[in-house]
PDB file of N, CA and C in Angstrom:
ATOM      1  N   MET A   1     -13.755 -27.766 -16.094  1.00  0.00           N
ATOM      2  CA  MET A   1     -13.919 -26.593 -16.929  1.00  0.00           C
ATOM      3  C   MET A   1     -14.944 -25.620 -16.338  1.00  0.00           C
ATOM      4  N   ASN A   2     -15.885 -26.138 -15.586  1.00  0.00           N
ATOM      5  CA  ASN A   2     -16.896 -25.259 -14.995  1.00  0.00           C
ATOM      6  C   ASN A   2     -16.300 -24.334 -13.942  1.00  0.00           C
ATOM      7  N   ILE A   3     -15.215 -24.770 -13.319  1.00  0.00           N
ATOM      8  CA  ILE A   3     -14.583 -23.933 -12.296  1.00  0.00           C
ATOM      9  C   ILE A   3     -14.001 -22.658 -12.910  1.00  0.00           C
ATOM     10  N   LEU A   4     -13.593 -22.708 -14.173  1.00  0.00           N
ATOM     11  CA  LEU A   4     -13.069 -21.505 -14.838  1.00  0.00           C
ATOM     12  C   LEU A   4     -14.150 -20.449 -15.005  1.00  0.00           C
ATOM     13  N   ALA A   5     -15.389 -20.884 -15.160  1.00  0.00           N
ATOM     14  CA  ALA A   5     -16.495 -19.935 -15.284  1.00  0.00           C
ATOM     15  C   ALA A   5     -16.711 -19.181 -13.982  1.00  0.00           C
ATOM     16  N   VAL A   6     -16.219 -19.718 -12.884  1.00  0.00           N
ATOM     17  CA  VAL A   6     -16.334 -19.046 -11.589  1.00  0.00           C
ATOM     18  C   VAL A   6     -15.060 -18.257 -11.280  1.00  0.00           C
ATOM     19  N   LEU A   7     -13.901 -18.864 -11.518  1.00  0.00           N
ATOM     20  CA  LEU A   7     -12.640 -18.245 -11.120  1.00  0.00           C
ATOM     21  C   LEU A   7     -12.263 -17.032 -11.964  1.00  0.00           C
ATOM     22  N   ILE A   8     -12.556 -17.052 -13.233  1.00  0.00           N
ATOM     23  CA  ILE A   8     -12.189 -15.913 -14.095  1.00  0.00           C
ATOM     24  C   ILE A   8     -12.950 -14.649 -13.703  1.00  0.00           C
ATOM     25  N   PRO A   9     -14.274 -14.678 -13.515  1.00  0.00           N
ATOM     26  CA  PRO A   9     -14.950 -13.450 -13.065  1.00  0.00           C
ATOM     27  C   PRO A   9     -14.506 -12.987 -11.677  1.00  0.00           C
ATOM     28  N   ILE A  10     -14.240 -13.937 -10.774  1.00  0.00           N
ATOM     29  CA  ILE A  10     -13.775 -13.551  -9.446  1.00  0.00           C
ATOM     30  C   ILE A  10     -12.422 -12.855  -9.533  1.00  0.00           C
ATOM     31  N   SER A  11     -11.517 -13.377 -10.353  1.00  0.00           N
ATOM     32  CA  SER A  11     -10.201 -12.752 -10.479  1.00  0.00           C
ATOM     33  C   SER A  11     -10.301 -11.378 -11.137  1.00  0.00           C
ATOM     34  N   LEU A  12     -11.191 -11.228 -12.096  1.00  0.00           N
ATOM     35  CA  LEU A  12     -11.370  -9.915 -12.723  1.00  0.00           C
ATOM     36  C   LEU A  12     -11.954  -8.901 -11.739  1.00  0.00           C
ATOM     37  N   ILE A  13     -12.879  -9.342 -10.912  1.00  0.00           N
ATOM     38  CA  ILE A  13     -13.468  -8.448  -9.911  1.00  0.00           C
ATOM     39  C   ILE A  13     -12.418  -8.035  -8.884  1.00  0.00           C
ATOM     40  N   LEU A  14     -11.631  -8.988  -8.388  1.00  0.00           N
ATOM     41  CA  LEU A  14     -10.593  -8.661  -7.415  1.00  0.00           C
ATOM     42  C   LEU A  14      -9.517  -7.767  -8.019  1.00  0.00           C
ATOM     43  N   GLY A  15      -9.157  -8.003  -9.262  1.00  0.00           N
ATOM     44  CA  GLY A  15      -8.194  -7.135  -9.935  1.00  0.00           C
ATOM     45  C   GLY A  15      -8.738  -5.725 -10.095  1.00  0.00           C
ATOM     46  N   GLY A  16     -10.016  -5.611 -10.432  1.00  0.00           N
ATOM     47  CA  GLY A  16     -10.646  -4.300 -10.557  1.00  0.00           C
ATOM     48  C   GLY A  16     -10.689  -3.554  -9.237  1.00  0.00           C
ATOM     49  N   ILE A  17     -10.948  -4.283  -8.151  1.00  0.00           N
ATOM     50  CA  ILE A  17     -10.956  -3.661  -6.824  1.00  0.00           C
ATOM     51  C   ILE A  17      -9.559  -3.155  -6.472  1.00  0.00           C
ATOM     52  N   GLY A  18      -8.539  -3.951  -6.768  1.00  0.00           N
ATOM     53  CA  GLY A  18      -7.168  -3.520  -6.501  1.00  0.00           C
ATOM     54  C   GLY A  18      -6.776  -2.308  -7.327  1.00  0.00           C
ATOM     55  N   LEU A  19      -7.170  -2.308  -8.583  1.00  0.00           N
ATOM     56  CA  LEU A  19      -6.874  -1.164  -9.455  1.00  0.00           C
ATOM     57  C   LEU A  19      -7.589   0.090  -8.977  1.00  0.00           C
ATOM     58  N   PHE A  20      -8.846  -0.050  -8.562  1.00  0.00           N
ATOM     59  CA  PHE A  20      -9.598   1.074  -8.020  1.00  0.00           C
ATOM     60  C   PHE A  20      -8.931   1.617  -6.759  1.00  0.00           C
ATOM     61  N   ALA A  21      -8.491   0.728  -5.859  1.00  0.00           N
ATOM     62  CA  ALA A  21      -7.844   1.160  -4.626  1.00  0.00           C
ATOM     63  C   ALA A  21      -6.544   1.898  -4.919  1.00  0.00           C
ATOM     64  N   PHE A  22      -5.779   1.426  -5.901  1.00  0.00           N
ATOM     65  CA  PHE A  22      -4.537   2.101  -6.269  1.00  0.00           C
ATOM     66  C   PHE A  22      -4.810   3.505  -6.797  1.00  0.00           C
ATOM     67  N   PHE A  23      -5.752   3.637  -7.739  1.00  0.00           N
ATOM     68  CA  PHE A  23      -6.050   4.959  -8.288  1.00  0.00           C
ATOM     69  C   PHE A  23      -6.632   5.891  -7.229  1.00  0.00           C
ATOM     70  N   TRP A  24      -7.430   5.353  -6.307  1.00  0.00           N
ATOM     71  CA  TRP A  24      -7.980   6.170  -5.229  1.00  0.00           C
ATOM     72  C   TRP A  24      -6.858   6.704  -4.340  1.00  0.00           C
ATOM     73  N   SER A  25      -5.890   5.849  -4.011  1.00  0.00           N
ATOM     74  CA  SER A  25      -4.810   6.285  -3.134  1.00  0.00           C
ATOM     75  C   SER A  25      -3.914   7.314  -3.815  1.00  0.00           C
ATOM     76  N   VAL A  26      -3.695   7.181  -5.106  1.00  0.00           N
ATOM     77  CA  VAL A  26      -2.898   8.175  -5.827  1.00  0.00           C
ATOM     78  C   VAL A  26      -3.655   9.499  -5.904  1.00  0.00           C
ATOM     79  N   LYS A  27      -4.957   9.443  -6.137  1.00  0.00           N
ATOM     80  CA  LYS A  27      -5.767  10.653  -6.245  1.00  0.00           C
ATOM     81  C   LYS A  27      -5.813  11.414  -4.919  1.00  0.00           C
ATOM     82  N   ASN A  28      -5.812  10.698  -3.801  1.00  0.00           N
ATOM     83  CA  ASN A  28      -5.906  11.326  -2.488  1.00  0.00           C
ATOM     84  C   ASN A  28      -4.546  11.564  -1.836  1.00  0.00           C
ATOM     85  N   ASN A  29      -3.487  11.560  -2.636  1.00  0.00           N
ATOM     86  CA  ASN A  29      -2.125  11.901  -2.188  1.00  0.00           C
ATOM     87  C   ASN A  29      -1.638  11.027  -1.034  1.00  0.00           C
ATOM     88  N   GLN A  30      -1.924   9.755  -1.078  1.00  0.00           N
ATOM     89  CA  GLN A  30      -1.460   8.849  -0.032  1.00  0.00           C
ATOM     90  C   GLN A  30       0.035   8.583  -0.129  1.00  0.00           C
ATOM     91  N   PHE A  31       0.638   8.843  -1.272  1.00  0.00           N
ATOM     92  CA  PHE A  31       2.055   8.574  -1.473  1.00  0.00           C
ATOM     93  C   PHE A  31       2.904   9.835  -1.382  1.00  0.00           C
ATOM     94  N   GLU A  32       2.323  10.947  -0.974  1.00  0.00           N
ATOM     95  CA  GLU A  32       3.043  12.206  -0.905  1.00  0.00           C
ATOM     96  C   GLU A  32       3.580  12.430   0.497  1.00  0.00           C
ATOM     97  N   ASP A  33       4.860  12.340   0.679  1.00  0.00           N
ATOM     98  CA  ASP A  33       5.521  12.629   1.947  1.00  0.00           C
ATOM     99  C   ASP A  33       6.953  13.050   1.653  1.00  0.00           C
ATOM    100  N   PRO A  34       7.131  14.199   0.987  1.00  0.00           N
ATOM    101  CA  PRO A  34       8.466  14.564   0.538  1.00  0.00           C
ATOM    102  C   PRO A  34       9.465  14.817   1.661  1.00  0.00           C
ATOM    103  N   LYS A  35       9.023  15.322   2.813  1.00  0.00           N
ATOM    104  CA  LYS A  35       9.950  15.636   3.881  1.00  0.00           C
ATOM    105  C   LYS A  35      10.000  14.559   4.951  1.00  0.00           C
ATOM    106  N   GLY A  36       9.085  13.627   4.918  1.00  0.00           N
ATOM    107  CA  GLY A  36       8.963  12.641   5.982  1.00  0.00           C
ATOM    108  C   GLY A  36      10.209  11.816   6.207  1.00  0.00           C
ATOM    109  N   ASN A  37      10.751  11.208   5.178  1.00  0.00           N
ATOM    110  CA  ASN A  37      11.931  10.367   5.340  1.00  0.00           C
ATOM    111  C   ASN A  37      13.157  11.176   5.732  1.00  0.00           C
ATOM    112  N   ALA A  38      13.290  12.371   5.194  1.00  0.00           N
ATOM    113  CA  ALA A  38      14.446  13.205   5.511  1.00  0.00           C
ATOM    114  C   ALA A  38      14.436  13.607   6.987  1.00  0.00           C
ATOM    115  N   GLU A  39      13.276  13.890   7.533  1.00  0.00           N
ATOM    116  CA  GLU A  39      13.192  14.258   8.937  1.00  0.00           C
ATOM    117  C   GLU A  39      13.243  13.036   9.841  1.00  0.00           C
ATOM    118  N   ARG A  40      12.702  11.940   9.406  1.00  0.00           N
ATOM    119  CA  ARG A  40      12.642  10.731  10.212  1.00  0.00           C
ATOM    120  C   ARG A  40      14.036  10.146  10.466  1.00  0.00           C
ATOM    121  N   ILE A  41      14.923  10.240   9.491  1.00  0.00           N
ATOM    122  CA  ILE A  41      16.245   9.644   9.643  1.00  0.00           C
ATOM    123  C   ILE A  41      17.106  10.440  10.627  1.00  0.00           C
ATOM    124  N   LEU A  42      16.820  11.703  10.809  1.00  0.00           N
ATOM    125  CA  LEU A  42      17.598  12.537  11.719  1.00  0.00           C
ATOM    126  C   LEU A  42      17.025  12.573  13.134  1.00  0.00           C
ATOM    127  N   SER A  43      15.853  12.033  13.335  1.00  0.00           N
ATOM    128  CA  SER A  43      15.176  12.113  14.618  1.00  0.00           C
ATOM    129  C   SER A  43      15.602  10.984  15.548  1.00  0.00           C
ATOM    130  N   ASP A  44      15.743  11.295  16.821  1.00  0.00           N
ATOM    131  CA  ASP A  44      16.031  10.276  17.828  1.00  0.00           C
ATOM    132  C   ASP A  44      14.751   9.616  18.342  1.00  0.00           C
ATOM    133  N   ARG A  45      13.628  10.136  17.958  1.00  0.00           N
ATOM    134  CA  ARG A  45      12.344   9.622  18.429  1.00  0.00           C
ATOM    135  C   ARG A  45      12.095   8.204  17.941  1.00  0.00           C
ATOM    136  N   PHE A  46      12.530   7.883  16.725  1.00  0.00           N
ATOM    137  CA  PHE A  46      12.316   6.572  16.160  1.00  0.00           C
ATOM    138  C   PHE A  46      13.605   5.763  16.285  1.00  0.00           C
ATOM    139  N   ASP A  47      13.742   5.046  17.365  1.00  0.00           N
ATOM    140  CA  ASP A  47      14.937   4.243  17.621  1.00  0.00           C
ATOM    141  C   ASP A  47      14.617   2.794  17.318  1.00  0.00           C
ATOM    142  N   ASP A  48      15.343   2.216  16.375  1.00  0.00           N
ATOM    143  CA  ASP A  48      15.028   0.856  15.960  1.00  0.00           C
ATOM    144  C   ASP A  48      16.040  -0.168  16.465  1.00  0.00           C
ATOM    145  N   THR A  49      16.683   0.129  17.595  1.00  0.00           N
ATOM    146  CA  THR A  49      17.590  -0.847  18.166  1.00  0.00           C
ATOM    147  C   THR A  49      16.774  -1.947  18.844  1.00  0.00           C
ATOM    148  N   PRO A  50      17.283  -3.170  18.903  1.00  0.00           N
ATOM    149  CA  PRO A  50      16.506  -4.276  19.464  1.00  0.00           C
ATOM    150  C   PRO A  50      16.099  -4.096  20.920  1.00  0.00           C
ATOM    151  N   ASP A  51      16.968  -3.470  21.731  1.00  0.00           N
ATOM    152  CA  ASP A  51      16.633  -3.331  23.154  1.00  0.00           C
ATOM    153  C   ASP A  51      15.868  -2.040  23.449  1.00  0.00           C
ATOM    154  N   GLY A  52      15.732  -1.164  22.502  1.00  0.00           N
ATOM    155  CA  GLY A  52      14.954   0.058  22.674  1.00  0.00           C
ATOM    156  C   GLY A  52      15.683   1.168  23.415  1.00  0.00           C
ATOM    157  N   ASN A  53      16.971   1.016  23.680  1.00  0.00           N
ATOM    158  CA  ASN A  53      17.727   2.055  24.399  1.00  0.00           C
ATOM    159  C   ASN A  53      18.293   3.075  23.470  1.00  0.00           C
TER     160      ASN A  53
END
């Protein structure tokens, strides 16, 4: 039972850090790339064939 006194605060702290990181990334527009995928699919620069040709 004593281990719960350690694990519960650790899990709450780690969850809080994850939540903070998520809100920080949304606030700083880390998920904004409206044209990126549309341009990337038409480009020959990114070739994902196994042999690279």
